[in-house]
Amino acid sequence: MTTEKNPLILVDGSSYLYRAYYVFSFFTNSLNEPTGAIYGMLNMLKNLLIQHKHCQIVIVFDTVGKTFRKKLFEKYKSNRPRMPDKLQQQIKPLYNIIRAMGISLLEIKGVEADDIIGTLAVQAQKTGRTVLISTIDKDIAQLVTPNIMLMNTRMNTILGPEEVRKKYGVPPSLIIDLLAMIGDKTDNIPGIPGVGQKTAETLIKIFGNIHSIYNNLDKLNTVALRGIKTIISNFEKNRDLAFLSYKLATIKTDIEIKLLDKQLIIQEPNIETLKALFKRYEFKHWLNELNSGKWLQRKKNTHETKFTYF
């Protein structure tokens, strides 16, 4: 799938942060300070800059603070362990390096990264822009349109509406309905007990969205699914839970964000700051690139490309 030459790229930093941390957990400097999360995130961003030199890029992160979802459902994301201390130690230097690279970094207290991304994507689409969202979270697939696409940096693929339908079994417009039924263990969205992917897909194909399914509960017994009587009972008993899950899974696209268009443009990197930070955290290869003037130049068959996408 192709896109316009210079799309707006929104990076779900929070979705990559933990993955980078665990993939490169063995990375430390000579002071025994952890550096793996920094390395993993920056390696991904560096390659984005190489491949999309003239794009506008925003890196979006979650922040601390009670979100509206937590107020709706106290157990939302309660299954997630506390951020490891070794990861927490890397947040500030990571942010400092990202800013020194000239990339916009955005976080809003009490607002999840998904909602910031959703708002920016919809705003950009309204102005005729094409948007690429770099993420590993399936819930963001609900935002996909012909002009808003998901970018899988690991597989180097772009997912539009048809690709989302093939991957998740439903079109982007029904991703929320799917999650409302099957839940999402990652975010501890409960869904409807006893309803799995196959059941949800089948009911969506026959009846449409979750509202339509509930409006046609008396017709569910005609559906050829094993244990359909139990499924109907589960729907009846968990109506409130289903619509709570729907609210929890819905990405907001109307967050108040004061971000000027010029703030999205990649700025010239602060080379001296980057040198100091790369030296401090012992990213020797990147420091050598800065010193030789080869920073952000495309390379082939080097150690650098071995970890291009984690």
Protein backbone atom coordinates (compact mmCIF):
# COMPACT_ATOMS: atom_id res chain seq x y z
CA MET A 1 0.00 0.00 0.00
CA THR A 2 1.37 3.43 -0.92
CA THR A 3 0.98 6.77 0.83
CA GLU A 4 1.65 10.38 -0.03
CA LYS A 5 5.30 11.37 -0.08
CA ASN A 6 5.36 13.38 3.14
CA PRO A 7 2.70 12.18 5.59
CA LEU A 8 2.33 13.20 9.22
CA ILE A 9 3.86 10.42 11.31
CA LEU A 10 2.56 9.85 14.83
CA VAL A 11 4.63 7.48 16.93
CA ASP A 12 3.01 5.74 19.86
CA GLY A 13 6.08 6.00 22.07
CA SER A 14 4.39 4.32 25.01
CA SER A 15 3.63 1.18 23.00
CA TYR A 16 7.28 0.83 22.01
CA LEU A 17 8.93 1.84 25.26
CA TYR A 18 8.41 -1.38 27.21
CA ARG A 19 9.19 -3.55 24.22
CA ALA A 20 12.48 -1.73 23.72
CA TYR A 21 13.24 -2.10 27.41
CA TYR A 22 12.77 -5.87 27.44
CA VAL A 23 14.37 -6.57 24.06
CA PHE A 24 17.53 -4.68 25.01
CA SER A 25 17.42 -5.26 28.77
CA PHE A 26 21.06 -6.37 28.78
CA PHE A 27 22.33 -3.00 27.51
CA THR A 28 24.23 -0.97 30.13
CA ASN A 29 27.08 1.53 30.12
CA SER A 30 30.33 1.28 32.10
CA LEU A 31 28.59 2.81 35.12
CA ASN A 32 26.13 -0.11 35.01
CA GLU A 33 23.29 2.24 34.11
CA PRO A 34 20.56 0.68 31.97
CA THR A 35 20.47 1.99 28.40
CA GLY A 36 18.48 -0.60 26.45
CA ALA A 37 15.15 1.27 26.31
CA ILE A 38 16.96 4.40 25.15
CA TYR A 39 18.83 2.48 22.49
CA GLY A 40 15.78 0.61 21.20
CA MET A 41 13.58 3.69 20.97
CA LEU A 42 16.27 5.84 19.36
CA ASN A 43 17.19 3.17 16.86
CA MET A 44 13.58 3.03 15.68
CA LEU A 45 13.31 6.83 15.54
CA LYS A 46 16.64 7.18 13.77
CA ASN A 47 15.49 4.86 11.01
CA LEU A 48 12.19 6.72 10.72
CA LEU A 49 14.14 9.93 10.17
CA ILE A 50 16.31 8.27 7.53
CA GLN A 51 13.31 6.92 5.63
CA HIS A 52 11.07 9.98 6.06
CA LYS A 53 13.45 12.90 6.00
CA HIS A 54 10.91 15.54 5.06
CA CYS A 55 7.97 14.41 7.17
CA GLN A 56 6.43 15.88 10.26
CA ILE A 57 6.90 13.49 13.18
CA VAL A 58 5.45 13.59 16.70
CA ILE A 59 6.38 11.11 19.43
CA VAL A 60 3.54 10.68 21.92
CA PHE A 61 3.88 9.24 25.43
CA ASP A 62 1.54 8.41 28.29
CA THR A 63 1.94 10.36 31.52
CA VAL A 64 1.05 9.80 35.13
CA GLY A 65 -2.39 10.89 36.29
CA LYS A 66 -5.85 9.38 36.50
CA THR A 67 -7.49 9.17 33.09
CA PHE A 68 -11.21 9.18 32.35
CA ARG A 69 -11.02 5.43 31.75
CA LYS A 70 -9.64 4.84 35.23
CA LYS A 71 -12.53 6.87 36.61
CA LEU A 72 -14.99 4.75 34.65
CA PHE A 73 -13.38 1.46 35.66
CA GLU A 74 -10.96 1.35 38.59
CA LYS A 75 -9.46 -1.93 37.37
CA TYR A 76 -8.52 -0.44 33.98
CA LYS A 77 -4.85 -1.35 33.35
CA SER A 78 -4.63 -2.58 36.96
CA ASN A 79 -3.05 -5.79 35.69
CA ARG A 80 0.03 -3.89 34.59
CA PRO A 81 3.00 -3.97 36.95
CA ARG A 82 4.63 -0.79 38.16
CA MET A 83 7.21 0.63 35.75
CA PRO A 84 10.55 -1.03 36.54
CA ASP A 85 13.07 1.27 38.20
CA LYS A 86 15.61 0.53 35.46
CA LEU A 87 13.14 1.74 32.85
CA GLN A 88 12.15 4.79 34.89
CA GLN A 89 15.81 5.80 35.02
CA GLN A 90 15.91 5.97 31.22
CA ILE A 91 12.88 8.19 30.64
CA LYS A 92 14.48 11.58 31.23
CA PRO A 93 17.62 10.95 29.15
CA LEU A 94 15.47 9.43 26.39
CA TYR A 95 13.30 12.55 26.26
CA ASN A 96 16.38 14.77 26.26
CA ILE A 97 17.86 12.90 23.30
CA ILE A 98 14.59 12.93 21.34
CA ARG A 99 14.32 16.69 21.78
CA ALA A 100 17.98 17.14 20.83
CA MET A 101 17.24 15.19 17.63
CA GLY A 102 14.76 17.94 16.73
CA ILE A 103 11.66 15.75 17.03
CA SER A 104 8.48 16.96 18.72
CA LEU A 105 7.60 15.05 21.87
CA LEU A 106 4.10 15.36 23.26
CA GLU A 107 2.51 14.25 26.52
CA ILE A 108 -0.53 15.61 28.36
CA LYS A 109 -1.04 14.88 32.03
CA GLY A 110 -3.96 12.54 32.62
CA VAL A 111 -4.42 11.83 28.91
CA GLU A 112 -3.39 8.57 27.30
CA ALA A 113 -1.15 8.54 24.26
CA ASP A 114 -3.89 6.83 22.21
CA ASP A 115 -6.24 9.78 22.71
CA ILE A 116 -3.58 12.32 21.76
CA ILE A 117 -2.77 10.31 18.65
CA GLY A 118 -6.45 9.94 17.78
CA THR A 119 -7.04 13.67 18.10
CA LEU A 120 -3.98 14.64 16.04
CA ALA A 121 -4.79 12.06 13.36
CA VAL A 122 -8.38 13.22 12.93
CA GLN A 123 -7.35 16.88 12.94
CA ALA A 124 -4.75 16.22 10.24
CA GLN A 125 -7.19 14.20 8.15
CA LYS A 126 -9.66 17.10 8.20
CA THR A 127 -7.01 19.27 6.54
CA GLY A 128 -6.43 16.72 3.81
CA ARG A 129 -3.26 15.22 5.28
CA THR A 130 -2.29 11.57 5.15
CA VAL A 131 -1.34 10.17 8.55
CA LEU A 132 0.85 7.20 9.43
CA ILE A 133 0.58 5.89 12.99
CA SER A 134 3.51 3.83 14.17
CA THR A 135 2.25 1.53 16.91
CA ILE A 136 1.98 -2.09 18.02
CA ASP A 137 -1.43 -1.65 19.73
CA LYS A 138 -4.42 -3.13 17.91
CA ASP A 139 -6.93 -0.74 19.49
CA ILE A 140 -5.56 2.10 17.37
CA ALA A 141 -6.77 0.19 14.30
CA GLN A 142 -10.17 1.78 14.98
CA LEU A 143 -8.74 5.06 13.66
CA VAL A 144 -7.83 3.68 10.25
CA THR A 145 -9.39 5.28 7.18
CA PRO A 146 -8.14 5.70 3.60
CA ASN A 147 -6.14 8.69 4.94
CA ILE A 148 -5.11 7.35 8.37
CA MET A 149 -3.01 4.19 8.25
CA LEU A 150 -1.02 2.04 10.64
CA MET A 151 2.68 1.61 10.04
CA ASN A 152 4.24 -1.66 11.13
CA THR A 153 7.90 -0.71 11.36
CA ARG A 154 8.96 -4.24 12.20
CA MET A 155 7.43 -5.73 9.05
CA ASN A 156 7.83 -2.55 7.00
CA THR A 157 4.17 -2.61 6.00
CA ILE A 158 1.30 -0.13 5.88
CA LEU A 159 -2.18 -1.15 7.05
CA GLY A 160 -5.17 0.57 5.49
CA PRO A 161 -8.84 -0.38 5.95
CA GLU A 162 -8.66 -3.61 3.96
CA GLU A 163 -5.46 -4.77 5.66
CA VAL A 164 -7.03 -4.13 9.07
CA ARG A 165 -10.08 -6.17 8.10
CA LYS A 166 -7.91 -9.08 6.98
CA LYS A 167 -5.77 -8.95 10.12
CA TYR A 168 -8.47 -8.51 12.77
CA GLY A 169 -11.50 -10.03 11.06
CA VAL A 170 -13.54 -6.81 11.14
CA PRO A 171 -13.21 -3.39 9.47
CA PRO A 172 -11.76 -0.43 11.42
CA SER A 173 -15.24 0.93 12.14
CA LEU A 174 -16.06 -2.21 14.15
CA ILE A 175 -12.80 -2.67 16.06
CA ILE A 176 -14.36 -1.03 19.12
CA ASP A 177 -17.33 -3.40 18.94
CA LEU A 178 -14.95 -6.35 18.68
CA LEU A 179 -12.99 -5.22 21.75
CA ALA A 180 -16.22 -4.55 23.66
CA MET A 181 -17.08 -8.23 23.27
CA ILE A 182 -13.73 -10.02 23.52
CA GLY A 183 -12.05 -7.52 25.85
CA ASP A 184 -8.38 -6.59 25.87
CA LYS A 185 -6.07 -8.27 28.36
CA THR A 186 -3.35 -5.69 27.78
CA ASP A 187 -5.52 -2.87 29.15
CA ASN A 188 -7.68 -5.10 31.37
CA ILE A 189 -10.82 -4.28 29.41
CA PRO A 190 -13.22 -7.02 30.55
CA GLY A 191 -15.41 -7.64 27.51
CA ILE A 192 -18.17 -10.24 27.75
CA PRO A 193 -17.17 -13.43 29.59
CA GLY A 194 -17.19 -16.48 27.34
CA VAL A 195 -17.13 -14.51 24.08
CA GLY A 196 -14.02 -15.05 21.98
CA GLN A 197 -12.71 -13.79 18.67
CA LYS A 198 -14.57 -16.29 16.46
CA THR A 199 -17.91 -15.73 18.19
CA ALA A 200 -17.56 -11.94 18.05
CA GLU A 201 -16.55 -11.98 14.38
CA THR A 202 -19.51 -14.22 13.48
CA LEU A 203 -22.05 -12.06 15.29
CA ILE A 204 -20.62 -8.86 13.84
CA LYS A 205 -20.80 -10.27 10.31
CA ILE A 206 -24.44 -11.24 10.80
CA PHE A 207 -25.82 -8.38 12.89
CA GLY A 208 -23.28 -5.55 12.69
CA ASN A 209 -22.21 -3.50 15.70
CA ILE A 210 -22.75 -4.36 19.34
CA HIS A 211 -25.84 -2.16 19.59
CA SER A 212 -27.43 -4.10 16.73
CA ILE A 213 -26.47 -7.41 18.33
CA TYR A 214 -28.21 -6.44 21.56
CA ASN A 215 -31.24 -5.27 19.61
CA ASN A 216 -31.44 -8.73 18.06
CA LEU A 217 -30.73 -10.99 21.02
CA ASP A 218 -33.93 -12.88 20.32
CA LYS A 219 -32.48 -13.89 16.95
CA LEU A 220 -29.10 -15.13 18.19
CA ASN A 221 -30.43 -18.64 18.71
CA THR A 222 -30.57 -19.01 14.92
CA VAL A 223 -26.80 -18.57 14.65
CA ALA A 224 -24.80 -21.75 14.07
CA LEU A 225 -22.34 -21.40 16.96
CA ARG A 226 -21.47 -24.06 19.51
CA GLY A 227 -22.92 -23.19 22.91
CA ILE A 228 -25.14 -20.44 21.50
CA LYS A 229 -27.54 -20.66 24.47
CA THR A 230 -24.67 -19.95 26.87
CA ILE A 231 -23.45 -17.14 24.63
CA ILE A 232 -26.91 -15.53 24.66
CA SER A 233 -27.02 -15.85 28.44
CA ASN A 234 -23.60 -14.22 28.74
CA PHE A 235 -24.76 -11.31 26.58
CA GLU A 236 -27.90 -10.88 28.68
CA LYS A 237 -26.08 -11.00 32.01
CA ASN A 238 -23.25 -8.69 30.96
CA ARG A 239 -24.96 -5.90 29.03
CA ASP A 240 -23.55 -3.18 31.32
CA LEU A 241 -20.09 -4.71 31.18
CA ALA A 242 -20.21 -4.84 27.39
CA PHE A 243 -21.06 -1.16 27.02
CA LEU A 244 -18.53 -0.20 29.69
CA SER A 245 -15.92 -2.09 27.66
CA TYR A 246 -17.10 -0.20 24.57
CA LYS A 247 -16.43 3.12 26.30
CA LEU A 248 -13.05 1.96 27.56
CA ALA A 249 -11.98 0.79 24.10
CA THR A 250 -13.07 3.97 22.32
CA ILE A 251 -10.21 6.34 21.50
CA LYS A 252 -11.11 9.99 22.02
CA THR A 253 -10.49 12.29 19.08
CA ASP A 254 -11.49 15.61 20.65
CA ILE A 255 -8.72 16.28 23.17
CA GLU A 256 -7.74 19.95 23.43
CA ILE A 257 -4.24 20.13 22.01
CA LYS A 258 -2.44 23.39 21.44
CA LEU A 259 0.18 22.43 18.90
CA LEU A 260 1.25 24.74 16.12
CA ASP A 261 1.93 23.25 12.70
CA LYS A 262 5.49 24.57 12.79
CA GLN A 263 6.07 22.59 16.00
CA LEU A 264 5.56 19.39 14.04
CA ILE A 265 8.39 20.08 11.64
CA ILE A 266 11.59 18.20 12.39
CA GLN A 267 14.14 20.74 13.55
CA GLU A 268 17.88 20.72 13.01
CA PRO A 269 19.44 18.40 15.60
CA ASN A 270 21.46 19.91 18.42
CA ILE A 271 24.67 18.11 17.56
CA GLU A 272 26.66 19.19 20.60
CA THR A 273 23.91 18.08 22.99
CA LEU A 274 23.60 14.76 21.17
CA LYS A 275 27.35 14.25 21.37
CA ALA A 276 27.33 14.87 25.10
CA LEU A 277 24.40 12.50 25.65
CA PHE A 278 25.77 9.77 23.40
CA LYS A 279 29.09 10.01 25.20
CA ARG A 280 27.34 9.91 28.59
CA TYR A 281 25.37 6.77 27.72
CA GLU A 282 28.16 5.27 25.60
CA PHE A 283 26.45 4.99 22.24
CA LYS A 284 29.86 4.94 20.60
CA HIS A 285 28.73 4.05 17.09
CA TRP A 286 26.28 6.95 16.95
CA LEU A 287 28.86 9.28 18.49
CA ASN A 288 31.28 8.31 15.73
CA GLU A 289 28.57 9.03 13.15
CA LEU A 290 28.06 12.49 14.60
CA ASN A 291 31.78 13.20 14.64
CA SER A 292 32.18 12.02 11.04
CA GLY A 293 29.11 13.86 9.76
CA LYS A 294 27.36 10.62 8.81
CA TRP A 295 24.53 10.91 11.34
CA LEU A 296 21.16 9.90 9.82
CA GLN A 297 22.66 8.69 6.57
CA ARG A 298 21.20 5.51 5.11
CA LYS A 299 23.42 2.48 5.61
CA LYS A 300 23.33 -1.09 4.35
CA ASN A 301 24.54 -4.33 5.87
CA THR A 302 25.92 -2.83 9.04
CA HIS A 303 25.52 -3.65 12.71
CA GLU A 304 23.33 -0.56 12.91
CA THR A 305 20.60 -2.11 10.75
CA LYS A 306 20.59 -5.38 12.69
CA PHE A 307 18.21 -3.86 15.26
CA THR A 308 16.39 -1.54 12.85
CA TYR A 309 12.94 -2.59 14.08
CA PHE A 310 12.43 -4.33 17.39
